[in-house]
């Protein structure tokens, strides 16, 4: 986290947010802080359809992230996540800290992105790859954070 000073008031700007599964929220274009307008929502919706075959309407493209407490009624794409629930029950920050990592649940989750990598390189631009694939390639992050 990075601190900034402004008019004698300390502000905090989060620069690196990781989901319970290791996804890089702060780089995800659906994360609430990254969406600036309707065009952003449409771009994410269309590109997710092209790459992953996901049909998420543009108006539903907005995610508060899995770190936001349920008491704040966050909006999460896909609703309740089994990985988030598991991590919370185990009282750890993310799957990489779990003694059972990698389990079948996280393997299915990681594979859902990883299997798209080879086939999408010729379908999307480098910029689209950086924006729509890289934030979700998190196996290395999780493995590097094991207990």
C-alpha atoms as a PDB file:
ATOM      1  CA  UNK A   1       0.000   0.000   0.000  1.00  0.00           C
ATOM      2  CA  UNK A   2       1.206   3.458  -0.806  1.00  0.00           C
ATOM      3  CA  UNK A   3       0.560   6.546   1.348  1.00  0.00           C
ATOM      4  CA  UNK A   4       0.063  10.033  -0.032  1.00  0.00           C
ATOM      5  CA  UNK A   5      -0.137  13.408   1.727  1.00  0.00           C
ATOM      6  CA  UNK A   6      -2.690  15.963   0.618  1.00  0.00           C
ATOM      7  CA  UNK A   7      -3.519  19.156   2.544  1.00  0.00           C
ATOM      8  CA  UNK A   8      -2.310  17.655   5.854  1.00  0.00           C
ATOM      9  CA  UNK A   9      -4.756  14.772   5.471  1.00  0.00           C
ATOM     10  CA  UNK A  10      -3.329  11.310   4.940  1.00  0.00           C
ATOM     11  CA  UNK A  11      -4.913   9.422   2.066  1.00  0.00           C
ATOM     12  CA  UNK A  12      -4.249   5.791   1.281  1.00  0.00           C
ATOM     13  CA  UNK A  13      -4.148   4.573  -2.298  1.00  0.00           C
ATOM     14  CA  UNK A  14      -4.249   0.827  -2.756  1.00  0.00           C
ATOM     15  CA  UNK A  15      -1.870  -0.233  -5.471  1.00  0.00           C
ATOM     16  CA  UNK A  16      -1.979  -4.030  -5.276  1.00  0.00           C
ATOM     17  CA  UNK A  17      -5.164  -5.936  -4.443  1.00  0.00           C
ATOM     18  CA  UNK A  18      -5.260  -9.730  -4.650  1.00  0.00           C
ATOM     19  CA  UNK A  19      -8.438 -11.795  -4.419  1.00  0.00           C
ATOM     20  CA  UNK A  20      -8.765 -14.856  -2.177  1.00  0.00           C
ATOM     21  CA  UNK A  21      -7.994 -16.994  -5.252  1.00  0.00           C
ATOM     22  CA  UNK A  22      -4.974 -14.881  -6.170  1.00  0.00           C
ATOM     23  CA  UNK A  23      -6.566 -12.974  -9.054  1.00  0.00           C
ATOM     24  CA  UNK A  24      -5.060  -9.498  -9.344  1.00  0.00           C
ATOM     25  CA  UNK A  25      -8.139  -7.333  -8.644  1.00  0.00           C
ATOM     26  CA  UNK A  26      -6.318  -4.032  -8.971  1.00  0.00           C
ATOM     27  CA  UNK A  27      -5.473  -4.985 -12.577  1.00  0.00           C
ATOM     28  CA  UNK A  28      -8.900  -6.460 -13.419  1.00  0.00           C
ATOM     29  CA  UNK A  29     -10.869  -4.142 -15.692  1.00  0.00           C
ATOM     30  CA  UNK A  30     -14.134  -5.175 -14.015  1.00  0.00           C
ATOM     31  CA  UNK A  31     -12.927  -4.084 -10.569  1.00  0.00           C
ATOM     32  CA  UNK A  32     -14.987  -1.130  -9.393  1.00  0.00           C
ATOM     33  CA  UNK A  33     -12.075   1.317  -9.256  1.00  0.00           C
ATOM     34  CA  UNK A  34     -11.078   0.577 -12.838  1.00  0.00           C
ATOM     35  CA  UNK A  35     -14.431   1.226 -14.533  1.00  0.00           C
ATOM     36  CA  UNK A  36     -14.833   4.832 -15.589  1.00  0.00           C
ATOM     37  CA  UNK A  37     -17.830   4.716 -17.954  1.00  0.00           C
ATOM     38  CA  UNK A  38     -20.254   2.588 -19.952  1.00  0.00           C
ATOM     39  CA  UNK A  39     -17.719   2.109 -22.746  1.00  0.00           C
ATOM     40  CA  UNK A  40     -15.423   0.362 -20.229  1.00  0.00           C
ATOM     41  CA  UNK A  41     -18.245  -2.005 -19.246  1.00  0.00           C
ATOM     42  CA  UNK A  42     -19.046  -2.805 -22.872  1.00  0.00           C
ATOM     43  CA  UNK A  43     -15.374  -3.481 -23.662  1.00  0.00           C
ATOM     44  CA  UNK A  44     -15.034  -5.894 -20.728  1.00  0.00           C
ATOM     45  CA  UNK A  45     -18.300  -7.655 -21.555  1.00  0.00           C
ATOM     46  CA  UNK A  46     -17.404  -8.123 -25.223  1.00  0.00           C
ATOM     47  CA  UNK A  47     -13.825  -9.222 -24.556  1.00  0.00           C
ATOM     48  CA  UNK A  48     -14.803 -11.721 -21.839  1.00  0.00           C
ATOM     49  CA  UNK A  49     -17.264 -13.194 -24.344  1.00  0.00           C
ATOM     50  CA  UNK A  50     -14.536 -13.424 -27.007  1.00  0.00           C
ATOM     51  CA  UNK A  51     -11.878 -14.945 -24.743  1.00  0.00           C
ATOM     52  CA  UNK A  52     -13.765 -16.965 -22.125  1.00  0.00           C
ATOM     53  CA  UNK A  53     -17.187 -17.422 -23.679  1.00  0.00           C
ATOM     54  CA  UNK A  54     -18.703 -15.622 -20.667  1.00  0.00           C
ATOM     55  CA  UNK A  55     -21.967 -13.838 -21.250  1.00  0.00           C
ATOM     56  CA  UNK A  56     -21.951 -11.050 -18.689  1.00  0.00           C
ATOM     57  CA  UNK A  57     -24.091  -8.083 -19.750  1.00  0.00           C
ATOM     58  CA  UNK A  58     -22.293  -4.733 -19.764  1.00  0.00           C
ATOM     59  CA  UNK A  59     -24.549  -3.368 -17.016  1.00  0.00           C
ATOM     60  CA  UNK A  60     -23.382  -6.208 -14.730  1.00  0.00           C
ATOM     61  CA  UNK A  61     -19.681  -5.454 -15.213  1.00  0.00           C
ATOM     62  CA  UNK A  62     -18.686  -4.110 -11.818  1.00  0.00           C
ATOM     63  CA  UNK A  63     -17.029  -6.005  -9.002  1.00  0.00           C
ATOM     64  CA  UNK A  64     -16.353  -4.749  -5.502  1.00  0.00           C
ATOM     65  CA  UNK A  65     -14.008  -7.678  -4.929  1.00  0.00           C
ATOM     66  CA  UNK A  66     -14.050 -10.555  -2.508  1.00  0.00           C
ATOM     67  CA  UNK A  67     -12.152  -8.672   0.200  1.00  0.00           C
ATOM     68  CA  UNK A  68     -15.041  -6.296   0.819  1.00  0.00           C
ATOM     69  CA  UNK A  69     -17.090  -7.552   3.808  1.00  0.00           C
ATOM     70  CA  UNK A  70     -20.538  -9.035   3.185  1.00  0.00           C
ATOM     71  CA  UNK A  71     -21.965  -6.501   5.648  1.00  0.00           C
ATOM     72  CA  UNK A  72     -21.303  -3.779   3.043  1.00  0.00           C
ATOM     73  CA  UNK A  73     -23.461  -5.591   0.441  1.00  0.00           C
ATOM     74  CA  UNK A  74     -20.745  -5.776  -2.217  1.00  0.00           C
ATOM     75  CA  UNK A  75     -21.482  -6.613  -5.827  1.00  0.00           C
ATOM     76  CA  UNK A  76     -19.436  -9.548  -7.054  1.00  0.00           C
ATOM     77  CA  UNK A  77     -19.571 -10.908 -10.579  1.00  0.00           C
ATOM     78  CA  UNK A  78     -20.682 -14.502 -10.280  1.00  0.00           C
ATOM     79  CA  UNK A  79     -22.126 -14.023  -6.798  1.00  0.00           C
ATOM     80  CA  UNK A  80     -20.900 -16.149  -3.920  1.00  0.00           C
ATOM     81  CA  UNK A  81     -17.557 -17.832  -4.504  1.00  0.00           C
ATOM     82  CA  UNK A  82     -16.728 -21.207  -2.964  1.00  0.00           C
ATOM     83  CA  UNK A  83     -13.042 -20.306  -2.894  1.00  0.00           C
ATOM     84  CA  UNK A  84     -13.737 -17.130  -0.922  1.00  0.00           C
ATOM     85  CA  UNK A  85     -15.870 -19.066   1.567  1.00  0.00           C
ATOM     86  CA  UNK A  86     -13.202 -21.745   1.992  1.00  0.00           C
ATOM     87  CA  UNK A  87     -10.429 -19.192   2.554  1.00  0.00           C
ATOM     88  CA  UNK A  88     -12.524 -17.313   5.111  1.00  0.00           C
ATOM     89  CA  UNK A  89     -13.374 -20.517   6.983  1.00  0.00           C
ATOM     90  CA  UNK A  90      -9.671 -21.364   7.164  1.00  0.00           C
ATOM     91  CA  UNK A  91      -8.852 -17.813   8.331  1.00  0.00           C
ATOM     92  CA  UNK A  92      -6.132 -17.274   5.745  1.00  0.00           C
ATOM     93  CA  UNK A  93      -5.592 -14.447   3.248  1.00  0.00           C
ATOM     94  CA  UNK A  94      -5.646 -16.548   0.050  1.00  0.00           C
ATOM     95  CA  UNK A  95      -5.355 -20.098  -1.273  1.00  0.00           C
ATOM     96  CA  UNK A  96      -1.565 -19.984  -1.429  1.00  0.00           C
ATOM     97  CA  UNK A  97      -1.503 -20.032   2.376  1.00  0.00           C
ATOM     98  CA  UNK A  98      -3.558 -23.227   2.589  1.00  0.00           C
ATOM     99  CA  UNK A  99      -1.963 -26.509   3.661  1.00  0.00           C
ATOM    100  CA  UNK A 100      -4.060 -28.277   1.003  1.00  0.00           C
ATOM    101  CA  UNK A 101      -3.010 -26.028  -1.898  1.00  0.00           C
ATOM    102  CA  UNK A 102      -3.527 -26.868  -4.686  1.00  0.00           C
ATOM    103  CA  UNK A 103      -6.891 -28.522  -4.113  1.00  0.00           C
ATOM    104  CA  UNK A 104      -9.400 -29.571  -6.790  1.00  0.00           C
ATOM    105  CA  UNK A 105     -11.434 -26.376  -6.313  1.00  0.00           C
ATOM    106  CA  UNK A 106      -8.551 -23.960  -6.957  1.00  0.00           C
ATOM    107  CA  UNK A 107      -7.201 -26.174  -9.756  1.00  0.00           C
ATOM    108  CA  UNK A 108     -10.513 -25.894 -11.634  1.00  0.00           C
ATOM    109  CA  UNK A 109     -10.507 -22.142 -11.041  1.00  0.00           C
ATOM    110  CA  UNK A 110      -6.935 -21.616 -12.266  1.00  0.00           C
ATOM    111  CA  UNK A 111      -7.393 -23.969 -15.214  1.00  0.00           C
ATOM    112  CA  UNK A 112     -10.447 -22.003 -16.378  1.00  0.00           C
ATOM    113  CA  UNK A 113      -8.043 -19.186 -17.306  1.00  0.00           C
ATOM    114  CA  UNK A 114      -4.885 -21.129 -18.104  1.00  0.00           C
ATOM    115  CA  UNK A 115      -6.547 -23.288 -20.768  1.00  0.00           C
ATOM    116  CA  UNK A 116      -7.461 -20.141 -22.721  1.00  0.00           C
ATOM    117  CA  UNK A 117      -3.895 -18.848 -22.977  1.00  0.00           C
ATOM    118  CA  UNK A 118      -2.608 -20.896 -25.939  1.00  0.00           C
ATOM    119  CA  UNK A 119      -5.694 -20.444 -28.114  1.00  0.00           C
ATOM    120  CA  UNK A 120      -6.237 -16.769 -27.499  1.00  0.00           C
ATOM    121  CA  UNK A 121      -2.812 -15.462 -28.479  1.00  0.00           C
ATOM    122  CA  UNK A 122      -3.831 -15.299 -32.138  1.00  0.00           C
ATOM    123  CA  UNK A 123      -7.353 -13.967 -31.370  1.00  0.00           C
ATOM    124  CA  UNK A 124      -6.462 -10.971 -29.224  1.00  0.00           C
ATOM    125  CA  UNK A 125      -3.943  -8.158 -29.161  1.00  0.00           C
ATOM    126  CA  UNK A 126      -1.003  -7.955 -26.737  1.00  0.00           C
ATOM    127  CA  UNK A 127      -2.825  -5.167 -24.898  1.00  0.00           C
ATOM    128  CA  UNK A 128      -5.925  -7.350 -24.544  1.00  0.00           C
ATOM    129  CA  UNK A 129      -3.749 -10.204 -23.277  1.00  0.00           C
ATOM    130  CA  UNK A 130      -2.207  -7.925 -20.631  1.00  0.00           C
ATOM    131  CA  UNK A 131      -5.634  -6.600 -19.650  1.00  0.00           C
ATOM    132  CA  UNK A 132      -7.803  -9.716 -19.829  1.00  0.00           C
ATOM    133  CA  UNK A 133      -5.506 -12.684 -19.211  1.00  0.00           C
ATOM    134  CA  UNK A 134      -2.540 -11.538 -17.096  1.00  0.00           C
ATOM    135  CA  UNK A 135      -4.576 -10.375 -14.068  1.00  0.00           C
ATOM    136  CA  UNK A 136      -5.976 -13.900 -13.720  1.00  0.00           C
ATOM    137  CA  UNK A 137      -2.765 -15.882 -14.175  1.00  0.00           C
ATOM    138  CA  UNK A 138      -2.049 -16.262 -10.498  1.00  0.00           C
ATOM    139  CA  UNK A 139      -0.631 -19.764  -9.967  1.00  0.00           C
ATOM    140  CA  UNK A 140       2.910 -18.406  -9.560  1.00  0.00           C
ATOM    141  CA  UNK A 141       1.728 -15.832  -7.004  1.00  0.00           C
ATOM    142  CA  UNK A 142      -0.098 -18.489  -4.968  1.00  0.00           C
ATOM    143  CA  UNK A 143       2.783 -20.958  -5.097  1.00  0.00           C
ATOM    144  CA  UNK A 144       5.213 -18.252  -4.008  1.00  0.00           C
ATOM    145  CA  UNK A 145       3.069 -17.495  -0.962  1.00  0.00           C
ATOM    146  CA  UNK A 146       2.707 -20.985   0.456  1.00  0.00           C
ATOM    147  CA  UNK A 147       3.397 -21.546   4.132  1.00  0.00           C
END
